[in-house]
Amino acid sequence: MKKIMLIAFVCVLNLEVWAQTNFRTFGYAEALSVAKEENKKIFIDFYTDWCAPCKRMAKEVFPQEKVGDYLNALYVCLQLNAEREGKELARKFHIEAYPTFVVIDTLEQSVFRIVGAMDADRFIIEMEKNSNPEYSPTRVRKRYLGGERTPRLVEYYVSDLMRDGKYAEGAKTIEDYFASLSQEQRMLKENMFIYLRYTLDWSSPRAQFFLKHRKDFDSSLEDKMNRHIVFLYKNEGKRYSLGSLPENNVFDKKQYRQWKRYVVLLPEEEREAFEPVFRLIECRANGNLKKYIKVCVSEFDKLDSRNQAILTDHVDKLIEHENHVSLKRAAKYVRKHLNKLQQETAVFSAKFLEEVDRVLGEKK
């Protein structure tokens, strides 16, 4: 019985290891030998100790199961420090930026390379486009224009458009594809890229479908969906906070209340962080700049660092539609209280005053 339990335990450990990218612990020479035996190519991640994007790939991308499944099936994988044990190979393959991912064959010929950090989905797409002729940009475009609309092809086609700076065409392609799908198809796992990569606006029809049917998607997607809901919520909060959501200075109270109710979907600590944000937004909606800045000053220390940075970095947007008198009144209030403020609030206030002086100077 103990022997059976031990074997089961070892199997579990092996599953955990293989759920992520299997970077081999041996050197380059042995990797060549193993690649020949396993009929695979070699994937090398060239990194450095000081490279932040390299660390992000190592911590957030390579441990993901889907990345491990993809790489482990096709490659013998190595991670080499380009300034230490991989220095000679880095010179051989002309590595000049980090991270750089190089695929070579067993004859030590470079097949292709990818430079730079990216998320897991984009990484797999880039690997597939370089290794599979059917997913090369030229072939993908031909297949798409020929009428093929499989989820993977559409995802790759839009990725190519975005990479080439054709953002409007890419957005239109996503809209058309989403509109062509049935309700059931919109919730398929392979169509999640529509939401996770290309749905950024909380009020868009795609986002509203995503939110309304969040419990109807595959349960294995729950964590990813929850993270994206938090992202969408914060993104909308930023727009409200900066006063950029209302058009023609009209604040849609019904739309705001609907968005605010969804705060229950956020983790508890995120919900608490939004309490002072709600007070700022609702004060801003009343249109009194002096009162709004007064609340900014009094609530600033209660905001989390992200929302503090949003206000400080976008002061110009807070006052861009204000008149001469409102700006003077708000500036007078801030100057009166400047020496009593906490450091972070003082930084925001000083930047506010600087921007007000600039705007008033232009109006003279």
Protein backbone atom coordinates (compact mmCIF):
# COMPACT_ATOMS: atom_id res chain seq x y z
CA MET A 1 0.00 0.00 0.00
CA LYS A 2 2.80 2.41 0.91
CA LYS A 3 4.52 1.59 -2.38
CA ILE A 4 1.33 2.42 -4.31
CA MET A 5 0.97 5.72 -2.43
CA LEU A 6 4.60 6.60 -3.18
CA ILE A 7 4.15 5.90 -6.89
CA ALA A 8 0.98 8.01 -6.94
CA PHE A 9 2.79 10.84 -5.17
CA VAL A 10 5.64 10.75 -7.69
CA CYS A 11 3.12 10.80 -10.54
CA VAL A 12 1.47 13.90 -9.10
CA LEU A 13 4.84 15.60 -8.82
CA ASN A 14 5.59 14.75 -12.43
CA LEU A 15 2.26 16.17 -13.54
CA GLU A 16 3.01 19.41 -11.72
CA VAL A 17 6.43 19.65 -13.36
CA TRP A 18 5.12 18.96 -16.84
CA ALA A 19 2.24 21.40 -16.42
CA GLN A 20 4.81 24.15 -17.00
CA THR A 21 7.64 24.59 -19.47
CA ASN A 22 10.19 21.83 -18.96
CA PHE A 23 13.50 23.71 -19.09
CA ARG A 24 16.17 21.01 -19.05
CA THR A 25 18.98 21.24 -16.52
CA PHE A 26 21.68 19.89 -18.82
CA GLY A 27 23.86 21.89 -21.20
CA TYR A 28 23.71 22.76 -24.89
CA ALA A 29 25.70 19.73 -26.14
CA GLU A 30 23.43 17.28 -24.35
CA ALA A 31 20.37 19.20 -25.55
CA LEU A 32 21.47 18.56 -29.13
CA SER A 33 21.79 14.84 -28.42
CA VAL A 34 18.39 14.64 -26.68
CA ALA A 35 16.73 16.64 -29.48
CA LYS A 36 17.98 14.08 -32.01
CA GLU A 37 16.67 11.21 -29.87
CA GLU A 38 13.27 12.86 -29.33
CA ASN A 39 13.05 14.19 -32.91
CA LYS A 40 12.57 17.75 -31.68
CA LYS A 41 14.09 21.16 -32.23
CA ILE A 42 15.77 23.17 -29.46
CA PHE A 43 14.15 26.24 -27.89
CA ILE A 44 16.55 28.58 -26.07
CA ASP A 45 15.46 31.44 -23.81
CA PHE A 46 18.38 33.90 -23.66
CA TYR A 47 18.02 36.13 -20.61
CA THR A 48 20.10 38.30 -18.25
CA ASP A 49 19.93 38.92 -14.51
CA TRP A 50 19.05 42.60 -14.96
CA CYS A 51 16.34 42.14 -17.60
CA ALA A 52 12.88 42.86 -16.10
CA PRO A 53 10.93 41.55 -19.14
CA CYS A 54 12.97 38.31 -18.91
CA LYS A 55 11.90 37.90 -15.30
CA ARG A 56 8.28 38.53 -16.25
CA MET A 57 8.40 35.79 -18.87
CA ALA A 58 10.00 33.39 -16.38
CA LYS A 59 7.48 34.17 -13.65
CA GLU A 60 4.23 34.71 -15.55
CA VAL A 61 4.42 33.04 -18.97
CA PHE A 62 6.60 29.92 -18.98
CA PRO A 63 4.92 28.42 -15.87
CA GLN A 64 1.50 28.45 -17.59
CA GLU A 65 0.17 25.04 -18.53
CA LYS A 66 -0.76 25.97 -22.09
CA VAL A 67 2.72 27.33 -22.76
CA GLY A 68 4.32 24.24 -21.25
CA ASP A 69 2.06 21.93 -23.25
CA TYR A 70 2.98 23.72 -26.46
CA LEU A 71 6.75 23.95 -25.94
CA ASN A 72 7.28 20.55 -24.31
CA ALA A 73 5.61 18.73 -27.19
CA LEU A 74 7.84 20.25 -29.86
CA TYR A 75 11.11 21.37 -28.29
CA VAL A 76 13.93 20.52 -25.95
CA CYS A 77 13.90 23.72 -23.89
CA LEU A 78 16.88 25.55 -22.36
CA GLN A 79 17.21 28.75 -20.38
CA LEU A 80 20.64 30.36 -20.73
CA ASN A 81 22.04 33.46 -19.08
CA ALA A 82 23.57 35.37 -22.00
CA GLU A 83 26.21 36.91 -19.73
CA ARG A 84 27.24 33.70 -17.97
CA GLU A 85 26.91 30.09 -19.12
CA GLY A 86 25.23 31.16 -22.37
CA LYS A 87 27.70 33.89 -23.29
CA GLU A 88 29.41 31.95 -26.09
CA LEU A 89 26.12 30.82 -27.62
CA ALA A 90 24.73 34.35 -27.37
CA ARG A 91 27.65 35.53 -29.50
CA LYS A 92 27.21 32.63 -31.92
CA PHE A 93 23.55 33.42 -32.51
CA HIS A 94 24.05 37.24 -32.44
CA ILE A 95 21.82 37.92 -29.46
CA GLU A 96 21.56 41.70 -29.00
CA ALA A 97 18.32 42.20 -27.03
CA TYR A 98 16.61 40.44 -24.13
CA PRO A 99 14.73 38.32 -23.86
CA THR A 100 15.43 36.61 -27.19
CA PHE A 101 13.97 33.20 -27.92
CA VAL A 102 15.83 31.17 -30.52
CA VAL A 103 14.73 27.91 -32.15
CA ILE A 104 17.50 25.82 -33.73
CA ASP A 105 17.58 22.45 -35.41
CA THR A 106 19.87 19.53 -34.59
CA LEU A 107 22.37 20.80 -37.17
CA GLU A 108 22.69 23.95 -35.03
CA GLN A 109 21.04 26.11 -37.67
CA SER A 110 18.81 28.94 -36.49
CA VAL A 111 15.23 28.32 -37.61
CA PHE A 112 13.67 31.51 -36.24
CA ARG A 113 13.80 33.90 -33.32
CA ILE A 114 11.36 36.03 -31.34
CA VAL A 115 12.48 39.12 -29.46
CA GLY A 116 10.76 40.68 -26.46
CA ALA A 117 8.36 39.78 -23.68
CA MET A 118 4.66 39.21 -24.30
CA ASP A 119 1.68 37.49 -22.71
CA ALA A 120 1.16 33.74 -23.02
CA ASP A 121 -1.42 33.90 -25.80
CA ARG A 122 0.68 36.21 -27.94
CA PHE A 123 3.78 34.08 -27.31
CA ILE A 124 2.08 30.93 -28.57
CA ILE A 125 0.73 32.78 -31.59
CA GLU A 126 4.19 34.09 -32.47
CA MET A 127 5.72 30.63 -32.06
CA GLU A 128 3.01 29.04 -34.20
CA LYS A 129 3.27 31.67 -36.95
CA ASN A 130 7.02 31.11 -37.21
CA SER A 131 6.94 27.30 -37.06
CA ASN A 132 3.77 26.39 -38.95
CA PRO A 133 3.54 27.55 -42.60
CA GLU A 134 -0.25 27.39 -42.39
CA TYR A 135 -0.17 30.24 -39.87
CA SER A 136 2.35 32.51 -41.55
CA PRO A 137 0.92 36.05 -42.03
CA THR A 138 0.64 35.60 -45.81
CA ARG A 139 -1.13 32.27 -45.55
CA VAL A 140 -3.44 33.45 -42.76
CA ARG A 141 -4.52 36.47 -44.81
CA LYS A 142 -5.18 34.31 -47.86
CA ARG A 143 -7.24 31.85 -45.81
CA TYR A 144 -9.22 34.65 -44.16
CA LEU A 145 -9.98 36.44 -47.42
CA GLY A 146 -10.98 33.06 -48.81
CA GLY A 147 -13.77 32.92 -46.25
CA GLU A 148 -12.34 30.74 -43.46
CA ARG A 149 -13.55 31.86 -40.04
CA THR A 150 -12.25 29.33 -37.52
CA PRO A 151 -11.49 30.90 -34.10
CA ARG A 152 -7.73 30.33 -34.30
CA LEU A 153 -7.47 31.77 -37.81
CA VAL A 154 -9.44 34.88 -36.86
CA GLU A 155 -7.29 35.32 -33.75
CA TYR A 156 -4.08 35.08 -35.79
CA TYR A 157 -5.41 37.33 -38.55
CA VAL A 158 -6.38 40.08 -36.08
CA SER A 159 -3.03 39.71 -34.31
CA ASP A 160 -1.25 40.30 -37.63
CA LEU A 161 -3.39 43.36 -38.35
CA MET A 162 -2.67 44.86 -34.93
CA ARG A 163 1.06 44.14 -35.27
CA ASP A 164 1.06 46.01 -38.58
CA GLY A 165 -0.67 49.02 -37.01
CA LYS A 166 -3.98 48.38 -38.77
CA TYR A 167 -5.95 48.91 -35.57
CA ALA A 168 -9.23 50.06 -37.11
CA GLU A 169 -9.29 47.09 -39.49
CA GLY A 170 -8.45 44.75 -36.62
CA ALA A 171 -11.25 46.18 -34.45
CA LYS A 172 -13.74 45.92 -37.34
CA THR A 173 -12.72 42.29 -37.93
CA ILE A 174 -13.41 41.44 -34.27
CA GLU A 175 -16.79 43.22 -34.40
CA ASP A 176 -17.80 41.38 -37.57
CA TYR A 177 -16.68 38.03 -36.20
CA PHE A 178 -18.52 38.54 -32.89
CA ALA A 179 -21.69 39.56 -34.75
CA SER A 180 -21.52 36.41 -36.88
CA LEU A 181 -21.50 34.05 -33.88
CA SER A 182 -24.48 32.45 -32.18
CA GLN A 183 -24.88 32.90 -28.41
CA GLU A 184 -23.44 29.42 -27.82
CA GLN A 185 -20.45 30.08 -30.09
CA ARG A 186 -19.68 33.34 -28.26
CA MET A 187 -19.14 31.34 -25.09
CA LEU A 188 -16.80 28.72 -26.56
CA LYS A 189 -13.40 28.42 -24.92
CA GLU A 190 -11.60 28.97 -28.22
CA ASN A 191 -13.38 32.32 -28.65
CA MET A 192 -12.24 33.75 -25.32
CA PHE A 193 -9.61 35.81 -27.14
CA ILE A 194 -12.46 38.09 -28.27
CA TYR A 195 -12.96 39.23 -24.69
CA LEU A 196 -9.60 38.81 -23.00
CA ARG A 197 -7.53 40.48 -25.72
CA TYR A 198 -9.88 42.73 -27.66
CA THR A 199 -12.66 43.82 -25.30
CA LEU A 200 -11.47 46.82 -23.28
CA ASP A 201 -14.56 49.07 -23.11
CA TRP A 202 -16.97 48.24 -20.29
CA SER A 203 -19.99 49.65 -22.13
CA SER A 204 -19.38 47.81 -25.42
CA PRO A 205 -21.87 45.10 -26.52
CA ARG A 206 -19.12 42.47 -26.20
CA ALA A 207 -18.32 43.47 -22.63
CA GLN A 208 -21.99 43.53 -21.68
CA PHE A 209 -22.49 40.05 -23.16
CA PHE A 210 -19.39 38.86 -21.30
CA LEU A 211 -20.75 40.22 -18.01
CA LYS A 212 -24.32 39.07 -18.49
CA HIS A 213 -23.33 35.49 -19.34
CA ARG A 214 -20.27 35.20 -17.10
CA LYS A 215 -21.78 32.21 -15.26
CA ASP A 216 -22.57 30.40 -18.51
CA PHE A 217 -18.98 30.08 -19.75
CA ASP A 218 -16.85 26.99 -19.13
CA SER A 219 -16.05 26.90 -15.39
CA SER A 220 -12.36 26.32 -16.15
CA LEU A 221 -12.27 29.92 -17.45
CA GLU A 222 -13.52 31.46 -14.20
CA ASP A 223 -10.19 32.81 -12.93
CA LYS A 224 -9.31 34.43 -16.25
CA MET A 225 -12.77 35.91 -16.56
CA ASN A 226 -12.71 37.31 -13.04
CA ARG A 227 -9.36 38.98 -13.68
CA HIS A 228 -10.69 40.54 -16.87
CA ILE A 229 -13.82 41.78 -15.13
CA VAL A 230 -11.61 43.54 -12.59
CA PHE A 231 -9.60 45.06 -15.46
CA LEU A 232 -12.73 46.26 -17.26
CA TYR A 233 -14.15 47.72 -14.05
CA LYS A 234 -10.96 49.62 -13.23
CA ASN A 235 -10.66 50.86 -16.79
CA GLU A 236 -14.17 52.29 -16.65
CA GLY A 237 -13.45 53.77 -13.23
CA LYS A 238 -10.46 55.59 -14.69
CA ARG A 239 -12.61 57.15 -17.38
CA TYR A 240 -15.16 58.33 -14.83
CA SER A 241 -12.45 59.62 -12.50
CA LEU A 242 -10.91 61.72 -15.25
CA GLY A 243 -14.24 63.09 -16.36
CA SER A 244 -13.69 61.76 -19.88
CA LEU A 245 -16.72 59.46 -19.99
CA PRO A 246 -19.55 62.00 -20.12
CA GLU A 247 -19.96 63.44 -23.62
CA ASN A 248 -20.91 67.10 -24.03
CA ASN A 249 -20.66 67.44 -20.23
CA VAL A 250 -23.69 65.17 -19.78
CA PHE A 251 -23.34 62.65 -16.96
CA ASP A 252 -25.46 59.55 -17.55
CA LYS A 253 -26.60 58.71 -14.03
CA LYS A 254 -28.33 55.48 -15.08
CA GLN A 255 -25.21 54.19 -16.80
CA TYR A 256 -23.08 55.17 -13.81
CA ARG A 257 -25.38 53.44 -11.29
CA GLN A 258 -25.36 50.28 -13.40
CA TRP A 259 -21.56 50.26 -13.48
CA LYS A 260 -21.33 51.00 -9.75
CA ARG A 261 -23.58 48.03 -8.86
CA TYR A 262 -21.13 45.64 -10.50
CA VAL A 263 -18.57 46.45 -7.79
CA VAL A 264 -19.88 43.34 -6.00
CA LEU A 265 -18.00 41.24 -8.59
CA LEU A 266 -14.67 42.56 -7.35
CA PRO A 267 -12.60 41.01 -4.55
CA GLU A 268 -13.28 42.58 -1.15
CA GLU A 269 -10.07 44.64 -1.05
CA GLU A 270 -10.82 46.01 -4.52
CA ARG A 271 -14.35 46.97 -3.48
CA GLU A 272 -13.03 48.89 -0.49
CA ALA A 273 -10.52 50.72 -2.68
CA PHE A 274 -13.36 52.04 -4.83
CA GLU A 275 -15.27 53.75 -2.01
CA PRO A 276 -13.31 57.04 -2.21
CA VAL A 277 -13.32 56.75 -6.01
CA PHE A 278 -17.12 56.73 -6.02
CA ARG A 279 -17.16 59.87 -3.87
CA LEU A 280 -14.82 61.64 -6.29
CA ILE A 281 -16.80 60.63 -9.36
CA GLU A 282 -20.14 61.69 -7.88
CA CYS A 283 -18.72 65.00 -6.76
CA ARG A 284 -17.21 65.60 -10.20
CA ALA A 285 -20.58 64.91 -11.82
CA ASN A 286 -22.07 67.91 -9.97
CA GLY A 287 -19.85 70.22 -12.02
CA ASN A 288 -18.41 72.33 -9.18
CA LEU A 289 -14.62 72.30 -9.71
CA LYS A 290 -13.76 73.93 -6.38
CA LYS A 291 -15.81 71.38 -4.45
CA TYR A 292 -14.36 68.56 -6.54
CA ILE A 293 -10.76 69.59 -5.89
CA LYS A 294 -11.60 69.99 -2.20
CA VAL A 295 -12.79 66.38 -2.15
CA CYS A 296 -9.68 65.30 -4.11
CA VAL A 297 -7.48 66.84 -1.43
CA SER A 298 -9.47 65.38 1.47
CA GLU A 299 -9.82 61.89 -0.07
CA PHE A 300 -6.43 61.60 -1.80
CA ASP A 301 -4.73 59.70 1.02
CA LYS A 302 -7.57 57.16 1.04
CA LEU A 303 -7.02 56.27 -2.62
CA ASP A 304 -4.80 53.35 -3.54
CA SER A 305 -1.52 54.12 -5.31
CA ARG A 306 -3.01 53.36 -8.74
CA ASN A 307 -5.83 55.89 -8.40
CA GLN A 308 -3.49 58.45 -6.87
CA ALA A 309 -1.25 58.10 -9.92
CA ILE A 310 -4.24 58.43 -12.27
CA LEU A 311 -5.23 61.77 -10.76
CA THR A 312 -1.69 63.11 -10.53
CA ASP A 313 -0.67 62.07 -14.04
CA HIS A 314 -3.83 63.38 -15.70
CA VAL A 315 -4.42 66.71 -13.98
CA ASP A 316 -4.80 68.39 -17.37
CA LYS A 317 -7.89 66.29 -18.13
CA LEU A 318 -9.51 67.29 -14.85
CA ILE A 319 -9.54 70.97 -15.79
CA GLU A 320 -9.58 71.02 -19.59
CA HIS A 321 -13.24 72.15 -19.85
CA GLU A 322 -13.28 74.51 -16.85
CA ASN A 323 -13.73 78.25 -17.09
CA HIS A 324 -11.41 81.00 -15.84
CA VAL A 325 -13.38 81.70 -12.63
CA SER A 326 -13.67 78.03 -11.60
CA LEU A 327 -9.95 77.47 -12.06
CA LYS A 328 -9.07 80.50 -9.91
CA ARG A 329 -11.42 79.44 -7.10
CA ALA A 330 -10.08 75.90 -7.05
CA ALA A 331 -6.46 77.09 -7.12
CA LYS A 332 -7.09 79.51 -4.28
CA TYR A 333 -8.45 76.68 -2.12
CA VAL A 334 -5.46 74.43 -2.84
CA ARG A 335 -2.89 77.16 -2.10
CA LYS A 336 -4.57 77.87 1.21
CA HIS A 337 -4.18 74.24 2.35
CA LEU A 338 -0.96 73.26 0.58
CA ASN A 339 1.29 73.37 3.67
CA LYS A 340 -1.03 71.06 5.61
CA LEU A 341 -1.09 68.19 3.12
CA GLN A 342 0.49 64.76 3.20
CA GLN A 343 3.36 64.24 0.77
CA GLU A 344 1.43 62.36 -1.92
CA THR A 345 -1.48 64.80 -1.78
CA ALA A 346 0.94 67.73 -1.94
CA VAL A 347 2.49 66.33 -5.12
CA PHE A 348 -0.96 66.10 -6.74
CA SER A 349 -1.89 69.58 -5.54
CA ALA A 350 1.36 71.14 -6.75
CA LYS A 351 0.89 69.61 -10.19
CA PHE A 352 -2.71 70.85 -10.22
CA LEU A 353 -1.57 74.40 -9.45
CA GLU A 354 1.14 74.22 -12.09
CA GLU A 355 -1.38 73.14 -14.71
CA VAL A 356 -3.89 75.81 -13.66
CA ASP A 357 -1.21 78.51 -13.94
CA ARG A 358 -0.34 77.25 -17.42
CA VAL A 359 -3.97 77.28 -18.58
CA LEU A 360 -4.69 80.71 -17.07
CA GLY A 361 -1.51 82.05 -18.65
CA GLU A 362 -2.67 80.89 -22.06
CA LYS A 363 -6.04 82.57 -21.55
CA LYS A 364 -4.52 86.00 -20.93
